[in-house]
Protein backbone atom coordinates (compact mmCIF):
# COMPACT_ATOMS: atom_id res chain seq x y z
CA MET A 1 -16.52 1.54 13.01
CA ARG A 2 -13.70 2.16 11.78
CA ILE A 3 -10.54 3.45 13.12
CA GLY A 4 -9.74 6.23 15.93
CA ARG A 5 -7.06 7.53 17.15
CA ALA A 6 -3.62 5.15 17.13
CA LYS A 7 -0.50 5.72 18.75
CA GLY A 8 3.01 3.65 18.85
CA ILE A 9 5.82 3.94 20.23
CA SER A 10 9.23 2.07 21.70
CA ASP A 11 12.05 3.04 24.23
CA THR A 12 15.64 1.16 24.96
CA GLY A 13 14.83 0.74 28.80
CA ARG A 14 17.17 0.49 31.45
CA ARG A 15 18.84 -2.81 31.43
CA ARG A 16 19.75 -2.48 27.50
CA LEU A 17 22.07 -1.12 25.61
CA ARG A 18 20.05 -1.04 22.24
CA ASN A 19 16.88 -0.98 21.14
CA GLU A 20 15.74 -4.92 18.91
CA ASP A 21 12.35 -3.92 18.46
CA ALA A 22 10.33 -2.72 16.18
CA TYR A 23 6.88 -1.57 15.27
CA ILE A 24 4.28 -0.36 12.70
CA CYS A 25 1.73 2.09 13.26
CA GLU A 26 0.42 2.72 9.48
CA PRO A 27 -3.88 1.98 10.19
CA PRO A 28 -5.26 -0.40 9.55
CA LEU A 29 -1.90 -2.58 10.14
CA PHE A 30 -0.44 -2.35 13.68
CA ALA A 31 2.50 -4.74 14.69
CA VAL A 32 5.05 -5.08 16.94
CA ALA A 33 8.58 -7.16 16.84
CA ASP A 34 10.69 -8.18 19.36
CA GLY A 35 14.13 -9.42 17.76
CA MET A 36 16.68 -12.27 19.60
CA GLY A 37 20.54 -12.78 18.19
CA GLY A 38 23.77 -11.94 18.98
CA ALA A 39 25.22 -8.93 17.87
CA ARG A 40 22.48 -6.80 15.93
CA ALA A 41 21.26 -9.53 14.55
CA GLY A 42 17.58 -9.00 16.90
CA GLU A 43 17.23 -5.38 15.68
CA ILE A 44 17.77 -7.19 12.18
CA ALA A 45 15.05 -10.22 12.45
CA ALA A 46 12.82 -7.49 14.19
CA GLY A 47 13.13 -5.14 10.90
CA LEU A 48 12.69 -7.61 8.22
CA ALA A 49 9.24 -8.66 10.27
CA ALA A 50 8.34 -5.33 10.16
CA ALA A 51 8.98 -4.74 6.35
CA ALA A 52 7.12 -8.12 5.48
CA LEU A 53 3.85 -6.95 6.62
CA GLU A 54 4.06 -3.52 5.69
CA GLU A 55 4.41 -4.46 2.00
CA ALA A 56 1.78 -5.98 1.44
CA GLY A 57 -0.64 -4.95 4.69
CA THR A 58 -2.73 -2.78 2.80
CA GLU A 59 -3.82 -5.48 0.66
CA THR A 60 -4.63 -7.96 3.16
CA ARG A 61 -7.69 -9.22 4.49
CA GLY A 62 -8.58 -11.91 7.14
CA ALA A 63 -6.83 -14.07 9.54
CA GLU A 64 -5.76 -15.95 7.11
CA GLY A 65 -4.21 -12.84 5.15
CA VAL A 66 -2.53 -11.85 8.35
CA ALA A 67 -1.29 -15.64 8.64
CA ALA A 68 0.55 -15.18 4.80
CA LEU A 69 2.40 -12.22 6.17
CA ILE A 70 3.76 -13.58 9.24
CA ALA A 71 4.95 -16.93 6.97
CA GLU A 72 6.38 -14.82 4.42
CA ALA A 73 8.40 -12.48 7.76
CA ASN A 74 9.67 -15.46 8.71
CA ARG A 75 11.22 -16.66 4.97
CA ARG A 76 12.98 -13.95 4.66
CA ILE A 77 14.30 -13.66 8.09
CA TRP A 78 15.47 -17.37 7.77
CA GLU A 79 17.34 -17.14 3.91
CA ARG A 80 18.64 -14.09 5.66
CA SER A 81 19.99 -16.16 8.29
CA LEU A 82 21.43 -18.99 5.93
CA THR A 83 23.25 -15.88 3.13
CA ASP A 84 24.66 -13.96 6.42
CA PRO A 85 26.77 -16.17 8.95
CA GLU A 86 26.40 -13.09 11.57
CA THR A 87 22.90 -13.43 11.56
CA ALA A 88 22.53 -17.13 12.06
CA GLY A 89 20.37 -18.06 14.69
CA MET A 90 18.64 -14.70 15.19
CA GLY A 91 14.58 -14.46 15.53
CA THR A 92 11.78 -12.45 16.59
CA THR A 93 8.80 -11.88 18.00
CA VAL A 94 5.59 -10.81 16.32
CA THR A 95 1.84 -9.62 17.16
CA ALA A 96 0.09 -7.82 14.38
CA ALA A 97 -3.21 -6.71 14.35
CA LEU A 98 -5.21 -5.54 10.91
CA VAL A 99 -8.55 -3.16 10.76
CA ASP A 100 -10.97 -4.42 8.79
CA ALA A 101 -13.49 -1.47 9.29
CA ALA A 102 -16.44 -3.02 6.86
CA SER A 103 -16.81 -5.99 8.82
CA GLY A 104 -16.10 -4.35 11.68
CA THR A 105 -13.56 -7.03 12.83
CA VAL A 106 -9.97 -7.21 13.80
CA ALA A 107 -7.67 -9.97 12.62
CA ILE A 108 -4.47 -10.89 14.98
CA GLY A 109 -1.89 -13.05 14.16
CA HIS A 110 0.88 -13.93 16.76
CA VAL A 111 3.97 -15.91 16.94
CA GLY A 112 5.98 -15.45 20.09
CA ASP A 113 5.46 -14.20 23.45
CA SER A 114 4.51 -10.46 22.64
CA ARG A 115 1.14 -9.89 23.61
CA ALA A 116 -2.58 -8.08 22.00
CA TYR A 117 -4.91 -7.20 24.69
CA LEU A 118 -8.57 -5.80 24.46
CA LEU A 119 -9.74 -2.67 26.33
CA ARG A 120 -13.40 -3.17 26.51
CA GLY A 121 -15.97 -1.72 28.96
CA GLY A 122 -13.63 -1.10 32.29
CA ALA A 123 -11.55 -4.78 31.92
CA ILE A 124 -8.54 -5.99 29.76
CA GLU A 125 -8.13 -9.22 28.22
CA GLN A 126 -5.38 -10.53 26.75
CA LEU A 127 -5.86 -11.66 23.66
CA THR A 128 -3.20 -13.65 22.71
CA THR A 129 -1.22 -16.73 24.15
CA ASP A 130 2.40 -16.85 25.24
CA HIS A 131 4.74 -18.92 23.44
CA SER A 132 6.66 -19.17 26.08
CA LEU A 133 8.24 -21.87 28.75
CA VAL A 134 6.52 -20.64 31.74
CA ALA A 135 3.50 -20.67 29.89
CA GLU A 136 3.26 -23.88 29.05
CA LEU A 137 4.24 -24.77 32.39
CA VAL A 138 1.26 -22.98 33.80
CA GLU A 139 -0.91 -24.27 30.88
CA SER A 140 -0.24 -28.23 32.60
CA GLY A 141 -0.76 -27.20 36.04
CA ILE A 142 3.07 -27.05 37.13
CA LEU A 143 3.15 -22.86 37.42
CA THR A 144 0.54 -20.83 39.31
CA PRO A 145 0.37 -17.58 37.22
CA GLU A 146 1.68 -15.49 39.90
CA GLU A 147 4.81 -18.06 40.27
CA ALA A 148 5.00 -17.85 36.57
CA GLU A 149 5.46 -13.42 36.97
CA ARG A 150 8.53 -14.21 39.56
CA HIS A 151 10.30 -17.20 37.12
CA PRO A 152 13.76 -16.79 36.07
CA GLN A 153 12.99 -18.17 32.30
CA ARG A 154 10.29 -16.19 31.54
CA SER A 155 11.61 -14.39 28.54
CA ALA A 156 12.34 -18.50 27.12
CA ILE A 157 10.28 -18.31 24.06
CA THR A 158 9.14 -21.66 22.85
CA ARG A 159 8.21 -20.25 18.82
CA ALA A 160 9.37 -17.37 17.17
CA LEU A 161 9.98 -16.27 13.29
CA GLY A 162 13.40 -17.18 11.37
CA THR A 163 14.36 -19.87 13.07
CA GLU A 164 12.75 -22.60 11.92
CA PRO A 165 12.45 -22.48 8.05
CA THR A 166 8.18 -22.36 8.36
CA VAL A 167 6.36 -21.12 11.58
CA ASP A 168 2.94 -22.10 13.57
CA VAL A 169 1.01 -18.75 13.48
CA ASP A 170 -1.48 -18.08 15.58
CA ALA A 171 -4.46 -16.19 13.99
CA PHE A 172 -8.24 -15.35 14.77
CA THR A 173 -10.21 -12.44 14.63
CA VAL A 174 -12.04 -10.57 17.18
CA GLU A 175 -15.41 -8.68 16.66
CA THR A 176 -15.09 -4.85 17.67
CA ARG A 177 -17.64 -2.10 19.51
CA ALA A 178 -17.07 1.21 19.56
CA GLY A 179 -14.78 1.98 22.27
CA ASP A 180 -13.03 -0.82 22.66
CA VAL A 181 -8.81 -0.50 23.13
CA PHE A 182 -6.34 -2.63 21.71
CA VAL A 183 -3.14 -2.65 22.66
CA LEU A 184 0.52 -4.48 21.47
CA CYS A 185 3.41 -4.81 23.45
CA SER A 186 7.00 -6.79 23.78
CA ASP A 187 7.13 -8.59 26.76
CA GLY A 188 9.43 -4.82 27.94
CA LEU A 189 5.49 -4.19 28.75
CA SER A 190 4.01 -7.38 29.99
CA ILE A 191 7.25 -8.07 32.13
CA MET A 192 7.33 -5.01 34.19
CA VAL A 193 3.51 -3.94 34.40
CA ALA A 194 0.67 -6.19 35.66
CA ASP A 195 -2.36 -6.76 33.00
CA GLU A 196 -4.65 -4.91 35.60
CA ASP A 197 -2.18 -2.00 36.25
CA VAL A 198 -2.14 -1.87 31.94
CA ALA A 199 -6.04 -1.21 32.41
CA SER A 200 -5.48 1.50 35.06
CA VAL A 201 -3.12 3.46 33.29
CA ILE A 202 -5.18 3.67 30.32
CA GLU A 203 -7.73 4.34 31.97
CA ALA A 204 -6.22 7.23 34.18
CA ALA A 205 -4.47 8.54 30.13
CA GLU A 206 -8.61 9.09 29.25
CA ARG A 207 -8.22 5.93 26.43
CA ASP A 208 -5.91 8.53 24.31
CA PRO A 209 -3.24 6.38 22.67
CA ALA A 210 -0.55 9.14 22.78
CA ARG A 211 -0.82 9.87 26.46
CA ALA A 212 -1.33 5.88 27.52
CA ALA A 213 1.61 5.05 25.05
CA ASP A 214 3.65 7.57 26.92
CA ALA A 215 2.51 6.46 30.49
CA LEU A 216 2.92 2.62 29.86
CA VAL A 217 6.01 3.23 28.65
CA ALA A 218 7.14 5.37 32.10
CA ALA A 219 5.52 2.71 34.16
CA ALA A 220 7.98 -0.23 32.45
CA ASN A 221 10.48 2.05 33.09
CA ALA A 222 10.15 3.04 36.86
CA ARG A 223 9.23 -0.61 37.55
CA GLY A 224 13.40 -1.46 36.45
CA GLY A 225 12.84 -1.12 32.72
CA GLU A 226 14.33 -5.05 32.16
CA ASP A 227 14.03 -5.24 28.23
CA ASN A 228 13.47 -2.83 26.00
CA VAL A 229 9.77 -1.69 25.56
CA THR A 230 7.55 -1.46 22.90
CA VAL A 231 3.70 0.08 22.26
CA VAL A 232 1.27 0.52 20.43
CA LEU A 233 -2.23 1.49 20.87
CA PHE A 234 -5.07 1.79 18.53
CA GLU A 235 -8.76 2.74 19.86
CA ILE A 236 -12.43 2.13 17.59
CA VAL A 237 -15.04 4.07 17.25
CA ALA A 238 -19.05 4.19 15.32
CA ALA A 239 -18.42 4.92 11.46
CA GLU A 240 -20.98 8.10 12.48
CA GLU A 241 -19.40 9.90 15.09
CA ALA A 242 -17.72 13.21 13.97
CA GLU A 243 -14.00 13.95 13.56
CA GLU A 244 -13.19 17.31 15.48
CA PRO A 245 -13.73 19.91 13.23
CA VAL A 246 -10.86 21.91 11.40
CA ASP A 247 -10.83 25.61 11.74
CA GLU A 248 -10.94 26.43 7.55
CA PRO A 249 -10.42 30.38 6.76
CA PRO A 250 -13.66 31.16 5.11
CA VAL A 251 -14.22 30.87 1.06
CA ASP A 252 -14.87 34.25 -0.79
CA GLU A 253 -18.32 33.06 -2.90
CA PRO A 254 -18.98 34.59 -5.71
CA PRO A 255 -22.04 36.93 -5.68
CA VAL A 256 -25.26 35.03 -6.53
CA ASP A 257 -27.96 37.27 -8.94
CA GLU A 258 -30.82 37.83 -7.25
CA PRO A 259 -33.82 40.30 -8.29
CA PRO A 260 -33.90 43.40 -7.44
CA VAL A 261 -35.63 44.59 -4.81
CA ASP A 262 -37.77 47.26 -4.56
CA GLU A 263 -36.51 50.34 -2.64
CA PRO A 264 -38.99 53.34 -1.25
CA PRO A 265 -39.21 56.06 -2.75
CA VAL A 266 -36.39 59.41 -1.76
CA GLU A 267 -38.12 62.34 -1.23
CA PRO A 268 -36.47 65.33 -3.04
CA PRO A 269 -34.79 68.15 -0.43
CA PRO A 270 -36.87 70.94 0.68
CA GLU A 271 -35.46 73.34 -2.16
CA ALA A 272 -36.66 70.94 -5.15
CA GLU A 273 -39.64 71.04 -3.60
CA SER A 274 -40.54 74.87 -3.40
CA ALA A 275 -38.46 74.53 -7.12
CA SER A 276 -41.10 72.90 -8.37
CA ALA A 277 -44.35 74.54 -6.82
CA GLN A 278 -42.82 77.73 -8.09
CA GLY A 279 -42.34 76.17 -11.95
CA GLN A 280 -38.47 76.76 -12.02
CA THR A 281 -36.58 74.73 -13.90
CA GLN A 282 -33.38 73.35 -12.47
CA VAL A 283 -30.76 73.49 -14.52
CA GLU A 284 -28.59 69.92 -14.21
CA PRO A 285 -24.57 71.25 -13.14
CA GLU A 286 -22.14 71.57 -17.04
CA GLU A 287 -19.13 69.01 -16.36
CA ALA A 288 -16.65 70.42 -15.11
CA SER A 289 -13.92 71.94 -16.78
CA GLU A 290 -10.08 72.93 -16.81
CA PRO A 291 -9.46 75.35 -14.32
CA GLU A 292 -8.96 78.47 -15.37
CA VAL A 293 -5.53 80.04 -14.43
CA SER A 294 -5.25 83.32 -12.13
CA ARG A 295 -3.07 85.50 -14.35
CA HIS A 296 -1.45 88.90 -12.18
CA GLY A 297 -0.68 92.33 -13.78
CA ALA A 298 -2.48 94.27 -17.04
CA GLY A 299 -3.70 93.32 -19.90
CA PRO A 300 -2.67 94.43 -23.69
CA GLY A 301 -4.78 97.83 -23.37
CA GLY A 302 -4.16 98.41 -20.09
CA ARG A 303 0.05 98.15 -20.78
CA LEU A 304 -0.46 100.98 -23.62
CA ALA A 305 -2.21 103.13 -21.48
CA ALA A 306 0.60 103.72 -19.45
CA LEU A 307 3.22 104.35 -21.98
CA PHE A 308 1.69 106.98 -23.03
CA LEU A 309 1.79 108.16 -19.73
CA ILE A 310 5.15 107.91 -19.25
CA ALA A 311 5.75 109.52 -22.27
CA ALA A 312 3.06 112.57 -21.14
CA VAL A 313 5.28 112.57 -17.66
CA LEU A 314 9.04 112.98 -19.69
CA ALA A 315 7.70 115.71 -21.90
CA ILE A 316 6.96 117.61 -19.25
CA GLY A 317 9.98 117.23 -17.10
CA ALA A 318 12.15 118.19 -20.13
CA LEU A 319 9.34 121.69 -20.70
CA VAL A 320 10.27 122.43 -16.87
CA LEU A 321 13.81 121.98 -17.02
CA TYR A 322 14.25 124.18 -19.92
CA TRP A 323 12.09 126.74 -18.63
CA GLY A 324 14.41 126.74 -15.84
CA MET A 325 17.99 126.80 -18.02
CA THR A 326 16.32 129.81 -20.08
CA ARG A 327 15.25 131.85 -17.51
């Protein structure tokens, strides 16, 4: 198996003034973080979490590795909140997925109420368990899932990164199949769009992560957009599936020396046959010489004859004139 297409997108939504979500869409690592805290502390916490994951993501393997990355992110956020009073009490959720193409698995680490879904064969499954008040009430039987969706405290979380020196991370591995689509999202999507509607939107986008991500954000905003909306999607395809060919200009290859091909003899023209029959020898044409210069007028001999003629005419004229004067 290998990673196919992937897309991440984040939107402020319609009720919030700023976006405190962060995401990673850098195969083989994908993650979503939803920050919380006063001022801009939530944005800082989410950014610190994403940076910690991104720094060592490509060198990490398995669920334990992902859990270690999240624990390091927790340490950085906690220490920042101790040294910077303006960020005291800040925290963030995080849901991360690391694909191991060699083993055909996806390692997932999770803290908070951001979610990971798997769309397989037209059915969607929530892979993570929300660390939230309403999730605990549903698990204890106090609330039904339908009541939890409308509960006023549905966004109250019971576990987050950076609020304590250490954190308990949910980490596990999922076996993949060709055609699987994984979805990571902040609660800005999950509280606005039901799971089955998430699946329908992805299917309507023909499982194209880019189109599906845009459509999911639009669906959350169409239903009110109460929170920041962040979505990351990636697909799993078979390793032998060929990628789309890329048109490349033809490469001029050097000519290959090939043995000469016997060509049929060229028959001589009729004139040549006639000359051979009569025993005549064809004269090879001489090499072209410099072209002759065309000269107009007489040569040296012609000019001398002309001078004698003129002198004779003048003498005769003089005799005629003298004869006329003496009479």
